[in-house]
């Protein structure tokens, strides 16, 4: 039955988040990557967890996040033992808040264009991964955060999730 199996994603991602947070509690926050990649073992072998982990800016898509995502995309693409990827947030109540507007406002026009091109390239890398990708959305997914989820093959959304494309409120097509 499909529904009980979908709920297993929530359990898997919560357990991975707890393991990660327990090990990171001993390290400085400055050394924490905005993206955490973990391959599961045992009966869950073949599942790769792709965790967004930037609580201070609500998993906003900024330079550091995009760079880390591109590195993880490369690792996943090259790993023949990964059969499915679950993209999730390690920040409770937030999937991804979209673009990091604090960074964006400091950019010149040409920098914005290059950043958006790189962001789109990152999403295309996720779309082109050779295995199925699942976005496990719990909490807020707005703007580029929702577009990130749409880059995955499947989206599993919690009952409390809030999804919004700001562009569509302004009559733009993403």
Foldseek 3Di string as FASTA:
>chain_A
DPVVVVVVVVVVLQVVLVVVCVVCVVDDPVPDQQWDWDADDDPRGQEIEIEGHDQVQLSADDDRSLVVLVVVLVVQLPDPRHAEYEYAYSHAQGGYPYHRVVVVVPDDPVVNVVSVVSLVVSLVSQLPRPHAYEYEAGHEQEAVSVVSRVSGPYYHYDPRYDYYYVQVVVVHDD
